[in-house]
Amino acid sequence: IKRKPDSLFDYQFEDFEVLDYQCHPAIKAPVSV
């Protein structure tokens, strides 16, 4: 978290930074339409 606003509702997308994220393969499941 890059900054700490006074209210929970004052957070913005730019306030967060994701570090060392490792994505995993997608989970596949049958879907009928």
PDB file of N, CA and C in Angstrom:
ATOM      1  N   ILE A   1       0.862  -1.168   0.000  1.00  0.00           N
ATOM      2  CA  ILE A   1       0.000   0.000   0.000  1.00  0.00           C
ATOM      3  C   ILE A   1       0.905   1.227   0.000  1.00  0.00           C
ATOM      4  N   LYS A   2       0.710   2.071  -0.999  1.00  0.00           N
ATOM      5  CA  LYS A   2       1.606   3.210  -1.179  1.00  0.00           C
ATOM      6  C   LYS A   2       1.261   4.399  -0.293  1.00  0.00           C
ATOM      7  N   ARG A   3      -0.004   4.550   0.049  1.00  0.00           N
ATOM      8  CA  ARG A   3      -0.392   5.644   0.949  1.00  0.00           C
ATOM      9  C   ARG A   3      -1.538   5.171   1.830  1.00  0.00           C
ATOM     10  N   LYS A   4      -1.786   5.888   2.901  1.00  0.00           N
ATOM     11  CA  LYS A   4      -2.832   5.495   3.846  1.00  0.00           C
ATOM     12  C   LYS A   4      -3.831   6.647   3.994  1.00  0.00           C
ATOM     13  N   PRO A   5      -4.941   6.602   3.244  1.00  0.00           N
ATOM     14  CA  PRO A   5      -5.929   7.674   3.341  1.00  0.00           C
ATOM     15  C   PRO A   5      -6.671   7.652   4.684  1.00  0.00           C
ATOM     16  N   ASP A   6      -7.355   8.729   4.977  1.00  0.00           N
ATOM     17  CA  ASP A   6      -8.097   8.844   6.233  1.00  0.00           C
ATOM     18  C   ASP A   6      -9.279   7.879   6.297  1.00  0.00           C
ATOM     19  N   SER A   7      -9.891   7.614   5.149  1.00  0.00           N
ATOM     20  CA  SER A   7     -11.078   6.764   5.111  1.00  0.00           C
ATOM     21  C   SER A   7     -10.836   5.558   4.210  1.00  0.00           C
ATOM     22  N   LEU A   8     -11.488   4.468   4.522  1.00  0.00           N
ATOM     23  CA  LEU A   8     -11.416   3.268   3.690  1.00  0.00           C
ATOM     24  C   LEU A   8     -11.911   3.561   2.278  1.00  0.00           C
ATOM     25  N   PHE A   9     -12.852   4.469   2.156  1.00  0.00           N
ATOM     26  CA  PHE A   9     -13.463   4.780   0.867  1.00  0.00           C
ATOM     27  C   PHE A   9     -12.612   5.722   0.022  1.00  0.00           C
ATOM     28  N   ASP A  10     -11.508   6.206   0.546  1.00  0.00           N
ATOM     29  CA  ASP A  10     -10.625   7.115  -0.187  1.00  0.00           C
ATOM     30  C   ASP A  10      -9.500   6.394  -0.921  1.00  0.00           C
ATOM     31  N   TYR A  11      -9.410   5.078  -0.786  1.00  0.00           N
ATOM     32  CA  TYR A  11      -8.381   4.333  -1.505  1.00  0.00           C
ATOM     33  C   TYR A  11      -8.644   4.381  -3.001  1.00  0.00           C
ATOM     34  N   GLN A  12      -7.571   4.396  -3.781  1.00  0.00           N
ATOM     35  CA  GLN A  12      -7.655   4.380  -5.233  1.00  0.00           C
ATOM     36  C   GLN A  12      -6.800   3.234  -5.754  1.00  0.00           C
ATOM     37  N   PHE A  13      -7.018   2.874  -7.003  1.00  0.00           N
ATOM     38  CA  PHE A  13      -6.279   1.775  -7.616  1.00  0.00           C
ATOM     39  C   PHE A  13      -4.772   2.004  -7.535  1.00  0.00           C
ATOM     40  N   GLU A  14      -4.341   3.229  -7.710  1.00  0.00           N
ATOM     41  CA  GLU A  14      -2.915   3.567  -7.707  1.00  0.00           C
ATOM     42  C   GLU A  14      -2.278   3.421  -6.325  1.00  0.00           C
ATOM     43  N   ASP A  15      -3.071   3.269  -5.287  1.00  0.00           N
ATOM     44  CA  ASP A  15      -2.545   3.146  -3.931  1.00  0.00           C
ATOM     45  C   ASP A  15      -1.953   1.771  -3.650  1.00  0.00           C
ATOM     46  N   PHE A  16      -2.200   0.812  -4.527  1.00  0.00           N
ATOM     47  CA  PHE A  16      -1.757  -0.557  -4.292  1.00  0.00           C
ATOM     48  C   PHE A  16      -0.693  -0.971  -5.294  1.00  0.00           C
ATOM     49  N   GLU A  17       0.263  -1.750  -4.823  1.00  0.00           N
ATOM     50  CA  GLU A  17       1.329  -2.268  -5.678  1.00  0.00           C
ATOM     51  C   GLU A  17       1.487  -3.759  -5.375  1.00  0.00           C
ATOM     52  N   VAL A  18       1.423  -4.573  -6.424  1.00  0.00           N
ATOM     53  CA  VAL A  18       1.546  -6.021  -6.263  1.00  0.00           C
ATOM     54  C   VAL A  18       2.990  -6.414  -6.564  1.00  0.00           C
ATOM     55  N   LEU A  19       3.643  -7.070  -5.597  1.00  0.00           N
ATOM     56  CA  LEU A  19       5.030  -7.489  -5.752  1.00  0.00           C
ATOM     57  C   LEU A  19       5.122  -9.009  -5.710  1.00  0.00           C
ATOM     58  N   ASP A  20       6.016  -9.559  -6.494  1.00  0.00           N
ATOM     59  CA  ASP A  20       6.309 -10.995  -6.501  1.00  0.00           C
ATOM     60  C   ASP A  20       5.078 -11.863  -6.752  1.00  0.00           C
ATOM     61  N   TYR A  21       4.180 -11.404  -7.615  1.00  0.00           N
ATOM     62  CA  TYR A  21       2.977 -12.173  -7.949  1.00  0.00           C
ATOM     63  C   TYR A  21       3.343 -13.300  -8.899  1.00  0.00           C
ATOM     64  N   GLN A  22       2.905 -14.498  -8.599  1.00  0.00           N
ATOM     65  CA  GLN A  22       3.147 -15.654  -9.461  1.00  0.00           C
ATOM     66  C   GLN A  22       1.801 -16.233  -9.864  1.00  0.00           C
ATOM     67  N   CYS A  23       1.478 -16.110 -11.137  1.00  0.00           N
ATOM     68  CA  CYS A  23       0.188 -16.621 -11.593  1.00  0.00           C
ATOM     69  C   CYS A  23       0.256 -18.139 -11.751  1.00  0.00           C
ATOM     70  N   HIS A  24      -0.882 -18.768 -11.659  1.00  0.00           N
ATOM     71  CA  HIS A  24      -0.993 -20.213 -11.800  1.00  0.00           C
ATOM     72  C   HIS A  24      -1.848 -20.521 -13.022  1.00  0.00           C
ATOM     73  N   PRO A  25      -1.744 -21.738 -13.558  1.00  0.00           N
ATOM     74  CA  PRO A  25      -2.556 -22.087 -14.724  1.00  0.00           C
ATOM     75  C   PRO A  25      -4.045 -21.977 -14.410  1.00  0.00           C
ATOM     76  N   ALA A  26      -4.825 -21.717 -15.444  1.00  0.00           N
ATOM     77  CA  ALA A  26      -6.274 -21.598 -15.276  1.00  0.00           C
ATOM     78  C   ALA A  26      -6.880 -22.947 -14.916  1.00  0.00           C
ATOM     79  N   ILE A  27      -7.965 -22.899 -14.169  1.00  0.00           N
ATOM     80  CA  ILE A  27      -8.709 -24.113 -13.831  1.00  0.00           C
ATOM     81  C   ILE A  27      -9.786 -24.284 -14.897  1.00  0.00           C
ATOM     82  N   LYS A  28      -9.755 -25.392 -15.606  1.00  0.00           N
ATOM     83  CA  LYS A  28     -10.715 -25.632 -16.680  1.00  0.00           C
ATOM     84  C   LYS A  28     -11.831 -26.533 -16.174  1.00  0.00           C
ATOM     85  N   ALA A  29     -13.052 -26.194 -16.557  1.00  0.00           N
ATOM     86  CA  ALA A  29     -14.214 -26.989 -16.175  1.00  0.00           C
ATOM     87  C   ALA A  29     -15.212 -26.972 -17.329  1.00  0.00           C
ATOM     88  N   PRO A  30     -15.929 -28.066 -17.526  1.00  0.00           N
ATOM     89  CA  PRO A  30     -16.928 -28.082 -18.600  1.00  0.00           C
ATOM     90  C   PRO A  30     -18.086 -27.124 -18.278  1.00  0.00           C
ATOM     91  N   VAL A  31     -18.536 -26.418 -19.305  1.00  0.00           N
ATOM     92  CA  VAL A  31     -19.636 -25.467 -19.149  1.00  0.00           C
ATOM     93  C   VAL A  31     -20.608 -25.688 -20.294  1.00  0.00           C
ATOM     94  N   SER A  32     -21.885 -25.792 -19.978  1.00  0.00           N
ATOM     95  CA  SER A  32     -22.876 -25.921 -21.050  1.00  0.00           C
ATOM     96  C   SER A  32     -23.651 -24.620 -21.158  1.00  0.00           C
ATOM     97  N   VAL A  33     -23.960 -24.272 -22.386  1.00  0.00           N
ATOM     98  CA  VAL A  33     -24.661 -23.003 -22.634  1.00  0.00           C
ATOM     99  C   VAL A  33     -26.020 -23.291 -23.214  1.00  0.00           C
TER     100      VAL A  33
END
